[in-house]
């Protein structure tokens, strides 16, 4: 109760700041991907639930291009005090590592507002497969070979495949697709033996018993698949990964404005309607202690270090 009282007091102080009240224009969330993508859905959910805790509306604007780098650059260069980014590990981690010339520095050109969501990946095979768990998957792969689909060269799914190969000592035949919407159906059709797929794409087919999920890749079991073990539980300590989404601001945004946005985000993420919708979307809701700017900064740095090391070891290059 004492902790909650302190938190609410901090939120009230942040919201009382004139920083945002003096900005007549709406808060603008830039989505660096096209309308209808998972990032777009996340941003519109945030806009809906943050608006009641801010003195002006929250709008969403799509600025797609270059794997998310176009929209990220818009925010990195913004000086109007009301433009923020629904960022993810694509434009904020993978692109800066894999692309030789970037129009912004990550994380240097950005300031953390808060973590929004994390979505684990799944190591998945067809339901008809005789493989029942990760140990058997490794044994079969070592003895007979195994193909595995990803969402593309340099994607989060590709990095997890490389990490799994390094940890297990088994070489898998990587088959890159352009998204899980292609790799998962091809696994279902039997064209590849397995897939490292986004949980949002795999979940409906798993629920219908058309796919078998051998493991998820989060630090803990997914609330969507509580009976499915993690890779950590399957014998690979520290092997985690997936996609994450966060709100970030330009590095030059005033601290009071950042604090007000963080306060609105944290309050929005506590509303029952927001939490229910996140679970429907297949995103694991981030624990309260991992939502703030400090936790986001730590996750961002760790992900950059892990991704850079994996890219160098596996010689991963952009398509």
C-alpha atoms as a PDB file:
ATOM      1  CA  UNK A   1       0.000   0.000   0.000  1.00  0.00           C
ATOM      2  CA  UNK A   2       2.880   2.364   0.840  1.00  0.00           C
ATOM      3  CA  UNK A   3       4.506   1.648  -2.532  1.00  0.00           C
ATOM      4  CA  UNK A   4       1.225   2.300  -4.374  1.00  0.00           C
ATOM      5  CA  UNK A   5       0.732   5.585  -2.495  1.00  0.00           C
ATOM      6  CA  UNK A   6       4.207   6.750  -3.501  1.00  0.00           C
ATOM      7  CA  UNK A   7       3.604   5.730  -7.108  1.00  0.00           C
ATOM      8  CA  UNK A   8       0.302   7.562  -7.311  1.00  0.00           C
ATOM      9  CA  UNK A   9       1.860  10.649  -5.779  1.00  0.00           C
ATOM     10  CA  UNK A  10       4.628  10.608  -8.377  1.00  0.00           C
ATOM     11  CA  UNK A  11       2.083  10.193 -11.135  1.00  0.00           C
ATOM     12  CA  UNK A  12       0.026  13.093  -9.854  1.00  0.00           C
ATOM     13  CA  UNK A  13       3.087  15.333  -9.764  1.00  0.00           C
ATOM     14  CA  UNK A  14       4.021  14.353 -13.297  1.00  0.00           C
ATOM     15  CA  UNK A  15       0.540  14.965 -14.624  1.00  0.00           C
ATOM     16  CA  UNK A  16       0.376  18.317 -12.876  1.00  0.00           C
ATOM     17  CA  UNK A  17       3.385  19.486 -14.879  1.00  0.00           C
ATOM     18  CA  UNK A  18       2.533  22.258 -17.320  1.00  0.00           C
ATOM     19  CA  UNK A  19       4.888  20.722 -19.903  1.00  0.00           C
ATOM     20  CA  UNK A  20       2.164  18.873 -21.770  1.00  0.00           C
ATOM     21  CA  UNK A  21      -0.690  21.182 -20.833  1.00  0.00           C
ATOM     22  CA  UNK A  22       1.023  24.007 -22.675  1.00  0.00           C
ATOM     23  CA  UNK A  23       1.229  21.968 -25.881  1.00  0.00           C
ATOM     24  CA  UNK A  24      -1.943  22.646 -27.813  1.00  0.00           C
ATOM     25  CA  UNK A  25      -1.379  20.024 -30.476  1.00  0.00           C
ATOM     26  CA  UNK A  26      -2.141  16.352 -29.756  1.00  0.00           C
ATOM     27  CA  UNK A  27       0.491  13.892 -28.652  1.00  0.00           C
ATOM     28  CA  UNK A  28       1.560  12.094 -31.811  1.00  0.00           C
ATOM     29  CA  UNK A  29       2.625   8.429 -31.695  1.00  0.00           C
ATOM     30  CA  UNK A  30       4.641   7.556 -34.791  1.00  0.00           C
ATOM     31  CA  UNK A  31       4.318   3.940 -35.902  1.00  0.00           C
ATOM     32  CA  UNK A  32       7.250   3.027 -38.160  1.00  0.00           C
ATOM     33  CA  UNK A  33       5.245   0.326 -39.941  1.00  0.00           C
ATOM     34  CA  UNK A  34       2.112   0.175 -42.070  1.00  0.00           C
ATOM     35  CA  UNK A  35      -1.449   0.343 -40.781  1.00  0.00           C
ATOM     36  CA  UNK A  36      -2.769  -3.000 -39.597  1.00  0.00           C
ATOM     37  CA  UNK A  37       0.588  -4.347 -38.398  1.00  0.00           C
ATOM     38  CA  UNK A  38       1.073  -5.481 -34.808  1.00  0.00           C
ATOM     39  CA  UNK A  39       2.921  -2.247 -34.010  1.00  0.00           C
ATOM     40  CA  UNK A  40       0.023  -0.220 -35.397  1.00  0.00           C
ATOM     41  CA  UNK A  41      -2.460  -2.175 -33.284  1.00  0.00           C
ATOM     42  CA  UNK A  42      -0.325  -1.632 -30.177  1.00  0.00           C
ATOM     43  CA  UNK A  43      -0.054   2.104 -30.811  1.00  0.00           C
ATOM     44  CA  UNK A  44      -3.788   2.560 -31.286  1.00  0.00           C
ATOM     45  CA  UNK A  45      -4.467   0.597 -28.115  1.00  0.00           C
ATOM     46  CA  UNK A  46      -2.091   2.891 -26.237  1.00  0.00           C
ATOM     47  CA  UNK A  47      -3.600   6.030 -27.745  1.00  0.00           C
ATOM     48  CA  UNK A  48      -7.037   4.951 -26.582  1.00  0.00           C
ATOM     49  CA  UNK A  49      -6.007   4.189 -23.009  1.00  0.00           C
ATOM     50  CA  UNK A  50      -3.414   6.940 -22.444  1.00  0.00           C
ATOM     51  CA  UNK A  51      -5.665   9.783 -23.609  1.00  0.00           C
ATOM     52  CA  UNK A  52      -7.781   9.930 -20.403  1.00  0.00           C
ATOM     53  CA  UNK A  53      -4.611  10.629 -18.403  1.00  0.00           C
ATOM     54  CA  UNK A  54      -3.307  13.459 -20.599  1.00  0.00           C
ATOM     55  CA  UNK A  55      -4.585  17.016 -21.182  1.00  0.00           C
ATOM     56  CA  UNK A  56      -4.863  16.551 -24.955  1.00  0.00           C
ATOM     57  CA  UNK A  57      -5.716  13.814 -27.479  1.00  0.00           C
ATOM     58  CA  UNK A  58      -3.300  11.110 -28.561  1.00  0.00           C
ATOM     59  CA  UNK A  59      -3.123  10.403 -32.286  1.00  0.00           C
ATOM     60  CA  UNK A  60      -1.366   7.683 -34.277  1.00  0.00           C
ATOM     61  CA  UNK A  61       0.521   8.340 -37.485  1.00  0.00           C
ATOM     62  CA  UNK A  62       2.044   5.621 -39.701  1.00  0.00           C
ATOM     63  CA  UNK A  63       5.431   6.424 -41.254  1.00  0.00           C
ATOM     64  CA  UNK A  64       6.587   3.133 -42.742  1.00  0.00           C
ATOM     65  CA  UNK A  65       9.775   2.395 -44.657  1.00  0.00           C
ATOM     66  CA  UNK A  66      13.264   0.866 -44.414  1.00  0.00           C
ATOM     67  CA  UNK A  67      12.273  -1.722 -41.842  1.00  0.00           C
ATOM     68  CA  UNK A  68      11.034   0.916 -39.416  1.00  0.00           C
ATOM     69  CA  UNK A  69      13.993   3.287 -39.788  1.00  0.00           C
ATOM     70  CA  UNK A  70      11.986   6.004 -41.589  1.00  0.00           C
ATOM     71  CA  UNK A  71       9.543   6.467 -38.712  1.00  0.00           C
ATOM     72  CA  UNK A  72      12.275   6.191 -36.110  1.00  0.00           C
ATOM     73  CA  UNK A  73      14.215   8.980 -37.826  1.00  0.00           C
ATOM     74  CA  UNK A  74      11.116  11.215 -37.784  1.00  0.00           C
ATOM     75  CA  UNK A  75      10.995  10.923 -33.998  1.00  0.00           C
ATOM     76  CA  UNK A  76      14.756  11.193 -33.486  1.00  0.00           C
ATOM     77  CA  UNK A  77      14.689  14.531 -35.321  1.00  0.00           C
ATOM     78  CA  UNK A  78      11.437  15.862 -33.796  1.00  0.00           C
ATOM     79  CA  UNK A  79      11.716  19.088 -31.789  1.00  0.00           C
ATOM     80  CA  UNK A  80       8.027  19.914 -31.271  1.00  0.00           C
ATOM     81  CA  UNK A  81       7.768  18.351 -27.814  1.00  0.00           C
ATOM     82  CA  UNK A  82       4.791  16.132 -28.610  1.00  0.00           C
ATOM     83  CA  UNK A  83       6.064  13.449 -31.037  1.00  0.00           C
ATOM     84  CA  UNK A  84       7.007   9.998 -29.740  1.00  0.00           C
ATOM     85  CA  UNK A  85       7.709   6.560 -31.244  1.00  0.00           C
ATOM     86  CA  UNK A  86       6.121   3.171 -30.792  1.00  0.00           C
ATOM     87  CA  UNK A  87       9.512   1.523 -31.112  1.00  0.00           C
ATOM     88  CA  UNK A  88      10.521  -2.110 -31.272  1.00  0.00           C
ATOM     89  CA  UNK A  89      13.685  -4.152 -31.452  1.00  0.00           C
ATOM     90  CA  UNK A  90      13.607  -3.952 -35.263  1.00  0.00           C
ATOM     91  CA  UNK A  91      14.328  -0.241 -35.794  1.00  0.00           C
ATOM     92  CA  UNK A  92      15.900   0.257 -32.355  1.00  0.00           C
ATOM     93  CA  UNK A  93      18.209  -2.780 -32.167  1.00  0.00           C
ATOM     94  CA  UNK A  94      18.431  -4.896 -35.316  1.00  0.00           C
ATOM     95  CA  UNK A  95      18.619  -2.128 -37.923  1.00  0.00           C
ATOM     96  CA  UNK A  96      21.381  -0.146 -36.179  1.00  0.00           C
ATOM     97  CA  UNK A  97      23.462  -3.320 -35.949  1.00  0.00           C
ATOM     98  CA  UNK A  98      22.799  -4.739 -39.401  1.00  0.00           C
ATOM     99  CA  UNK A  99      22.614  -1.610 -41.550  1.00  0.00           C
ATOM    100  CA  UNK A 100      25.934   0.172 -42.173  1.00  0.00           C
ATOM    101  CA  UNK A 101      24.559   3.717 -42.529  1.00  0.00           C
ATOM    102  CA  UNK A 102      21.774   4.806 -40.216  1.00  0.00           C
ATOM    103  CA  UNK A 103      20.109   8.238 -40.013  1.00  0.00           C
ATOM    104  CA  UNK A 104      19.980   8.058 -36.209  1.00  0.00           C
ATOM    105  CA  UNK A 105      21.859   6.591 -33.280  1.00  0.00           C
ATOM    106  CA  UNK A 106      20.248   4.014 -31.037  1.00  0.00           C
ATOM    107  CA  UNK A 107      19.833   4.443 -28.170  1.00  0.00           C
ATOM    108  CA  UNK A 108      21.628   7.809 -28.225  1.00  0.00           C
ATOM    109  CA  UNK A 109      18.997   9.787 -30.143  1.00  0.00           C
ATOM    110  CA  UNK A 110      16.115   8.539 -27.991  1.00  0.00           C
ATOM    111  CA  UNK A 111      14.859   8.791 -24.408  1.00  0.00           C
ATOM    112  CA  UNK A 112      12.886   5.928 -22.812  1.00  0.00           C
ATOM    113  CA  UNK A 113       9.267   6.486 -21.810  1.00  0.00           C
ATOM    114  CA  UNK A 114       8.349   2.914 -20.916  1.00  0.00           C
ATOM    115  CA  UNK A 115       8.071  -0.696 -21.973  1.00  0.00           C
ATOM    116  CA  UNK A 116       4.787  -1.650 -23.614  1.00  0.00           C
ATOM    117  CA  UNK A 117       4.891  -5.365 -24.351  1.00  0.00           C
ATOM    118  CA  UNK A 118       7.030  -8.393 -24.981  1.00  0.00           C
ATOM    119  CA  UNK A 119       6.040 -11.242 -27.278  1.00  0.00           C
ATOM    120  CA  UNK A 120       7.971 -14.500 -27.012  1.00  0.00           C
ATOM    121  CA  UNK A 121       8.661 -16.668 -30.024  1.00  0.00           C
ATOM    122  CA  UNK A 122       7.859 -20.341 -30.361  1.00  0.00           C
ATOM    123  CA  UNK A 123       9.864 -23.336 -31.522  1.00  0.00           C
ATOM    124  CA  UNK A 124       7.153 -25.189 -33.414  1.00  0.00           C
ATOM    125  CA  UNK A 125       6.598 -28.322 -35.498  1.00  0.00           C
ATOM    126  CA  UNK A 126       3.561 -29.848 -37.184  1.00  0.00           C
ATOM    127  CA  UNK A 127       1.110 -31.669 -34.944  1.00  0.00           C
ATOM    128  CA  UNK A 128       1.807 -34.874 -36.916  1.00  0.00           C
ATOM    129  CA  UNK A 129       5.525 -34.708 -36.115  1.00  0.00           C
ATOM    130  CA  UNK A 130       6.868 -37.466 -33.846  1.00  0.00           C
ATOM    131  CA  UNK A 131       8.987 -34.852 -32.045  1.00  0.00           C
ATOM    132  CA  UNK A 132       7.503 -34.163 -28.634  1.00  0.00           C
ATOM    133  CA  UNK A 133      10.006 -31.867 -26.893  1.00  0.00           C
ATOM    134  CA  UNK A 134      13.134 -29.796 -27.402  1.00  0.00           C
ATOM    135  CA  UNK A 135      15.517 -32.599 -26.393  1.00  0.00           C
ATOM    136  CA  UNK A 136      14.053 -34.873 -29.046  1.00  0.00           C
ATOM    137  CA  UNK A 137      14.125 -32.006 -31.558  1.00  0.00           C
ATOM    138  CA  UNK A 138      17.858 -31.581 -30.981  1.00  0.00           C
ATOM    139  CA  UNK A 139      18.500 -35.333 -31.240  1.00  0.00           C
ATOM    140  CA  UNK A 140      16.563 -35.639 -34.504  1.00  0.00           C
ATOM    141  CA  UNK A 141      18.213 -32.538 -35.929  1.00  0.00           C
ATOM    142  CA  UNK A 142      21.655 -33.878 -35.110  1.00  0.00           C
ATOM    143  CA  UNK A 143      20.962 -37.311 -36.558  1.00  0.00           C
ATOM    144  CA  UNK A 144      18.823 -36.491 -39.595  1.00  0.00           C
ATOM    145  CA  UNK A 145      19.068 -32.728 -40.158  1.00  0.00           C
ATOM    146  CA  UNK A 146      16.272 -30.226 -39.759  1.00  0.00           C
ATOM    147  CA  UNK A 147      15.023 -27.194 -41.663  1.00  0.00           C
ATOM    148  CA  UNK A 148      13.634 -24.252 -39.755  1.00  0.00           C
ATOM    149  CA  UNK A 149      11.750 -21.232 -41.048  1.00  0.00           C
ATOM    150  CA  UNK A 150      12.159 -17.672 -39.813  1.00  0.00           C
ATOM    151  CA  UNK A 151      10.511 -14.321 -40.463  1.00  0.00           C
ATOM    152  CA  UNK A 152      13.482 -13.173 -42.497  1.00  0.00           C
ATOM    153  CA  UNK A 153      17.217 -12.645 -42.553  1.00  0.00           C
ATOM    154  CA  UNK A 154      18.214 -10.568 -39.542  1.00  0.00           C
ATOM    155  CA  UNK A 155      14.799 -10.846 -37.857  1.00  0.00           C
ATOM    156  CA  UNK A 156      14.265 -11.635 -34.184  1.00  0.00           C
ATOM    157  CA  UNK A 157      13.320 -15.182 -35.184  1.00  0.00           C
ATOM    158  CA  UNK A 158      16.578 -15.567 -37.132  1.00  0.00           C
ATOM    159  CA  UNK A 159      18.629 -14.392 -34.159  1.00  0.00           C
ATOM    160  CA  UNK A 160      16.901 -16.937 -31.903  1.00  0.00           C
ATOM    161  CA  UNK A 161      17.664 -19.719 -34.393  1.00  0.00           C
ATOM    162  CA  UNK A 162      21.342 -18.748 -34.406  1.00  0.00           C
ATOM    163  CA  UNK A 163      21.416 -18.644 -30.608  1.00  0.00           C
ATOM    164  CA  UNK A 164      19.774 -22.072 -30.405  1.00  0.00           C
ATOM    165  CA  UNK A 165      22.308 -23.526 -32.822  1.00  0.00           C
ATOM    166  CA  UNK A 166      25.190 -22.038 -30.856  1.00  0.00           C
ATOM    167  CA  UNK A 167      23.817 -23.315 -27.548  1.00  0.00           C
ATOM    168  CA  UNK A 168      23.013 -26.831 -28.809  1.00  0.00           C
ATOM    169  CA  UNK A 169      25.903 -27.363 -31.194  1.00  0.00           C
ATOM    170  CA  UNK A 170      23.450 -28.479 -33.897  1.00  0.00           C
ATOM    171  CA  UNK A 171      23.330 -26.963 -37.374  1.00  0.00           C
ATOM    172  CA  UNK A 172      19.831 -26.310 -38.695  1.00  0.00           C
ATOM    173  CA  UNK A 173      18.958 -25.400 -42.275  1.00  0.00           C
ATOM    174  CA  UNK A 174      17.695 -21.835 -42.026  1.00  0.00           C
ATOM    175  CA  UNK A 175      14.888 -20.920 -44.437  1.00  0.00           C
ATOM    176  CA  UNK A 176      14.099 -17.169 -44.273  1.00  0.00           C
ATOM    177  CA  UNK A 177      10.608 -15.973 -45.204  1.00  0.00           C
ATOM    178  CA  UNK A 178       9.074 -12.527 -45.283  1.00  0.00           C
ATOM    179  CA  UNK A 179       7.195 -12.793 -42.006  1.00  0.00           C
ATOM    180  CA  UNK A 180       5.533 -15.461 -39.881  1.00  0.00           C
ATOM    181  CA  UNK A 181       2.433 -15.166 -42.030  1.00  0.00           C
ATOM    182  CA  UNK A 182       4.423 -17.127 -44.631  1.00  0.00           C
ATOM    183  CA  UNK A 183       6.774 -19.284 -42.552  1.00  0.00           C
ATOM    184  CA  UNK A 184       4.112 -20.718 -40.247  1.00  0.00           C
ATOM    185  CA  UNK A 185       1.714 -21.871 -43.029  1.00  0.00           C
ATOM    186  CA  UNK A 186       4.664 -23.439 -44.871  1.00  0.00           C
ATOM    187  CA  UNK A 187       5.490 -25.407 -41.722  1.00  0.00           C
ATOM    188  CA  UNK A 188       1.860 -26.472 -41.457  1.00  0.00           C
ATOM    189  CA  UNK A 189       2.036 -27.664 -45.077  1.00  0.00           C
ATOM    190  CA  UNK A 190       5.172 -29.685 -44.362  1.00  0.00           C
ATOM    191  CA  UNK A 191       7.470 -27.655 -46.612  1.00  0.00           C
ATOM    192  CA  UNK A 192       9.837 -26.971 -43.700  1.00  0.00           C
ATOM    193  CA  UNK A 193      10.368 -29.202 -40.717  1.00  0.00           C
ATOM    194  CA  UNK A 194       9.999 -26.546 -38.045  1.00  0.00           C
ATOM    195  CA  UNK A 195       9.638 -22.829 -37.502  1.00  0.00           C
ATOM    196  CA  UNK A 196      10.710 -20.166 -35.046  1.00  0.00           C
ATOM    197  CA  UNK A 197       7.489 -18.182 -35.218  1.00  0.00           C
ATOM    198  CA  UNK A 198       5.781 -15.255 -33.551  1.00  0.00           C
ATOM    199  CA  UNK A 199       3.369 -16.463 -30.894  1.00  0.00           C
ATOM    200  CA  UNK A 200       0.521 -14.356 -32.281  1.00  0.00           C
ATOM    201  CA  UNK A 201       0.666 -16.294 -35.568  1.00  0.00           C
ATOM    202  CA  UNK A 202       1.239 -19.725 -34.050  1.00  0.00           C
ATOM    203  CA  UNK A 203      -1.265 -19.502 -31.204  1.00  0.00           C
ATOM    204  CA  UNK A 204      -4.535 -20.027 -33.175  1.00  0.00           C
ATOM    205  CA  UNK A 205      -3.109 -23.082 -34.962  1.00  0.00           C
ATOM    206  CA  UNK A 206      -1.703 -24.468 -31.716  1.00  0.00           C
ATOM    207  CA  UNK A 207      -5.061 -24.013 -30.012  1.00  0.00           C
ATOM    208  CA  UNK A 208      -6.665 -25.995 -32.863  1.00  0.00           C
ATOM    209  CA  UNK A 209      -4.036 -28.756 -32.367  1.00  0.00           C
ATOM    210  CA  UNK A 210      -2.684 -28.253 -35.888  1.00  0.00           C
ATOM    211  CA  UNK A 211       0.786 -27.271 -34.660  1.00  0.00           C
ATOM    212  CA  UNK A 212       2.859 -28.472 -31.700  1.00  0.00           C
ATOM    213  CA  UNK A 213       4.819 -25.855 -29.774  1.00  0.00           C
ATOM    214  CA  UNK A 214       7.919 -27.415 -28.245  1.00  0.00           C
ATOM    215  CA  UNK A 215       9.007 -24.324 -26.309  1.00  0.00           C
ATOM    216  CA  UNK A 216       8.480 -20.598 -25.968  1.00  0.00           C
ATOM    217  CA  UNK A 217      11.389 -18.162 -25.755  1.00  0.00           C
ATOM    218  CA  UNK A 218      10.417 -15.782 -22.967  1.00  0.00           C
ATOM    219  CA  UNK A 219      12.033 -15.572 -19.533  1.00  0.00           C
ATOM    220  CA  UNK A 220       8.916 -17.220 -18.109  1.00  0.00           C
ATOM    221  CA  UNK A 221       6.057 -19.326 -19.474  1.00  0.00           C
ATOM    222  CA  UNK A 222       3.577 -17.523 -21.673  1.00  0.00           C
ATOM    223  CA  UNK A 223       0.162 -16.870 -20.174  1.00  0.00           C
ATOM    224  CA  UNK A 224      -1.268 -17.984 -23.514  1.00  0.00           C
ATOM    225  CA  UNK A 225       0.486 -21.362 -23.332  1.00  0.00           C
ATOM    226  CA  UNK A 226       1.122 -22.036 -19.650  1.00  0.00           C
ATOM    227  CA  UNK A 227       1.606 -25.758 -20.246  1.00  0.00           C
ATOM    228  CA  UNK A 228       4.427 -25.193 -22.758  1.00  0.00           C
ATOM    229  CA  UNK A 229       7.937 -24.992 -21.249  1.00  0.00           C
ATOM    230  CA  UNK A 230      10.447 -22.283 -22.074  1.00  0.00           C
ATOM    231  CA  UNK A 231      13.790 -22.918 -23.743  1.00  0.00           C
ATOM    232  CA  UNK A 232      15.338 -22.218 -20.342  1.00  0.00           C
ATOM    233  CA  UNK A 233      13.317 -25.040 -18.802  1.00  0.00           C
ATOM    234  CA  UNK A 234      14.226 -27.230 -21.771  1.00  0.00           C
ATOM    235  CA  UNK A 235      17.916 -27.197 -20.921  1.00  0.00           C
ATOM    236  CA  UNK A 236      19.154 -23.866 -22.292  1.00  0.00           C
ATOM    237  CA  UNK A 237      19.769 -21.446 -19.388  1.00  0.00           C
ATOM    238  CA  UNK A 238      19.680 -17.805 -20.406  1.00  0.00           C
ATOM    239  CA  UNK A 239      18.346 -18.503 -23.902  1.00  0.00           C
ATOM    240  CA  UNK A 240      15.538 -15.991 -24.301  1.00  0.00           C
ATOM    241  CA  UNK A 241      14.361 -13.591 -26.956  1.00  0.00           C
ATOM    242  CA  UNK A 242      11.479 -12.355 -29.001  1.00  0.00           C
ATOM    243  CA  UNK A 243       9.876  -9.090 -29.964  1.00  0.00           C
ATOM    244  CA  UNK A 244       9.292  -6.108 -27.714  1.00  0.00           C
ATOM    245  CA  UNK A 245       7.556  -2.781 -28.076  1.00  0.00           C
ATOM    246  CA  UNK A 246       8.185   0.436 -26.156  1.00  0.00           C
ATOM    247  CA  UNK A 247       7.407   4.122 -26.227  1.00  0.00           C
ATOM    248  CA  UNK A 248      10.444   6.332 -26.722  1.00  0.00           C
ATOM    249  CA  UNK A 249      10.875  10.085 -27.199  1.00  0.00           C
ATOM    250  CA  UNK A 250      13.500  12.214 -28.907  1.00  0.00           C
ATOM    251  CA  UNK A 251      16.489  12.625 -26.610  1.00  0.00           C
ATOM    252  CA  UNK A 252      15.882  16.375 -26.447  1.00  0.00           C
ATOM    253  CA  UNK A 253      12.340  16.170 -25.071  1.00  0.00           C
ATOM    254  CA  UNK A 254      12.042  18.013 -21.708  1.00  0.00           C
ATOM    255  CA  UNK A 255      12.265  15.733 -18.693  1.00  0.00           C
ATOM    256  CA  UNK A 256       8.920  16.952 -17.316  1.00  0.00           C
ATOM    257  CA  UNK A 257       7.173  16.019 -20.559  1.00  0.00           C
ATOM    258  CA  UNK A 258       8.779  12.589 -20.555  1.00  0.00           C
ATOM    259  CA  UNK A 259       7.649  12.080 -16.959  1.00  0.00           C
ATOM    260  CA  UNK A 260       4.057  13.013 -17.813  1.00  0.00           C
ATOM    261  CA  UNK A 261       4.032  10.572 -20.730  1.00  0.00           C
ATOM    262  CA  UNK A 262       5.523   7.822 -18.565  1.00  0.00           C
ATOM    263  CA  UNK A 263       2.856   8.447 -15.931  1.00  0.00           C
ATOM    264  CA  UNK A 264       0.070   8.225 -18.513  1.00  0.00           C
ATOM    265  CA  UNK A 265       1.542   5.034 -19.956  1.00  0.00           C
ATOM    266  CA  UNK A 266       1.831   3.340 -16.569  1.00  0.00           C
ATOM    267  CA  UNK A 267      -1.734   4.231 -15.634  1.00  0.00           C
ATOM    268  CA  UNK A 268      -3.054   3.063 -19.008  1.00  0.00           C
ATOM    269  CA  UNK A 269      -1.307  -0.284 -18.594  1.00  0.00           C
ATOM    270  CA  UNK A 270      -3.150  -0.893 -15.313  1.00  0.00           C
ATOM    271  CA  UNK A 271      -6.637  -0.595 -16.798  1.00  0.00           C
ATOM    272  CA  UNK A 272      -8.505  -3.915 -17.096  1.00  0.00           C
ATOM    273  CA  UNK A 273      -9.600  -3.249 -20.685  1.00  0.00           C
ATOM    274  CA  UNK A 274      -6.021  -2.651 -21.787  1.00  0.00           C
ATOM    275  CA  UNK A 275      -4.738  -5.800 -20.078  1.00  0.00           C
ATOM    276  CA  UNK A 276      -7.515  -7.938 -21.542  1.00  0.00           C
ATOM    277  CA  UNK A 277      -6.854  -6.700 -25.069  1.00  0.00           C
ATOM    278  CA  UNK A 278      -3.119  -7.326 -24.766  1.00  0.00           C
ATOM    279  CA  UNK A 279      -3.750 -10.950 -23.861  1.00  0.00           C
ATOM    280  CA  UNK A 280      -6.084 -11.297 -26.849  1.00  0.00           C
ATOM    281  CA  UNK A 281      -3.282 -10.010 -29.074  1.00  0.00           C
ATOM    282  CA  UNK A 282      -0.870 -12.662 -27.838  1.00  0.00           C
ATOM    283  CA  UNK A 283       1.467 -10.293 -26.009  1.00  0.00           C
ATOM    284  CA  UNK A 284       2.752 -11.182 -22.578  1.00  0.00           C
ATOM    285  CA  UNK A 285       1.902  -8.274 -20.298  1.00  0.00           C
ATOM    286  CA  UNK A 286       5.076  -6.783 -18.864  1.00  0.00           C
ATOM    287  CA  UNK A 287       5.253  -7.002 -15.044  1.00  0.00           C
ATOM    288  CA  UNK A 288       4.842  -3.646 -13.308  1.00  0.00           C
ATOM    289  CA  UNK A 289       8.458  -3.525 -12.137  1.00  0.00           C
ATOM    290  CA  UNK A 290       9.695  -3.892 -15.739  1.00  0.00           C
ATOM    291  CA  UNK A 291       7.613  -1.111 -17.354  1.00  0.00           C
ATOM    292  CA  UNK A 292       9.476   2.047 -16.383  1.00  0.00           C
ATOM    293  CA  UNK A 293      12.255   3.951 -18.180  1.00  0.00           C
ATOM    294  CA  UNK A 294      15.076   2.390 -16.148  1.00  0.00           C
ATOM    295  CA  UNK A 295      13.949  -1.153 -16.901  1.00  0.00           C
ATOM    296  CA  UNK A 296      13.525  -0.307 -20.594  1.00  0.00           C
ATOM    297  CA  UNK A 297      17.030   1.179 -20.705  1.00  0.00           C
ATOM    298  CA  UNK A 298      18.497  -1.993 -19.200  1.00  0.00           C
ATOM    299  CA  UNK A 299      16.585  -4.285 -21.576  1.00  0.00           C
ATOM    300  CA  UNK A 300      17.563  -2.155 -24.581  1.00  0.00           C
ATOM    301  CA  UNK A 301      21.269  -2.296 -23.686  1.00  0.00           C
ATOM    302  CA  UNK A 302      21.197  -6.039 -23.044  1.00  0.00           C
ATOM    303  CA  UNK A 303      19.365  -6.709 -26.308  1.00  0.00           C
ATOM    304  CA  UNK A 304      21.860  -4.576 -28.251  1.00  0.00           C
ATOM    305  CA  UNK A 305      24.795  -6.475 -26.758  1.00  0.00           C
ATOM    306  CA  UNK A 306      23.270  -9.902 -27.332  1.00  0.00           C
ATOM    307  CA  UNK A 307      22.160  -9.107 -30.878  1.00  0.00           C
ATOM    308  CA  UNK A 308      25.528  -7.625 -31.846  1.00  0.00           C
ATOM    309  CA  UNK A 309      27.369 -10.670 -30.502  1.00  0.00           C
ATOM    310  CA  UNK A 310      25.032 -13.068 -32.327  1.00  0.00           C
ATOM    311  CA  UNK A 311      25.333 -11.151 -35.596  1.00  0.00           C
ATOM    312  CA  UNK A 312      29.108 -11.184 -35.429  1.00  0.00           C
ATOM    313  CA  UNK A 313      29.363 -14.856 -34.487  1.00  0.00           C
ATOM    314  CA  UNK A 314      26.897 -15.989 -37.179  1.00  0.00           C
ATOM    315  CA  UNK A 315      27.981 -13.407 -39.791  1.00  0.00           C
ATOM    316  CA  UNK A 316      24.366 -12.244 -40.181  1.00  0.00           C
ATOM    317  CA  UNK A 317      24.026  -9.561 -42.810  1.00  0.00           C
ATOM    318  CA  UNK A 318      21.025  -7.681 -44.219  1.00  0.00           C
ATOM    319  CA  UNK A 319      19.191  -9.077 -47.215  1.00  0.00           C
END
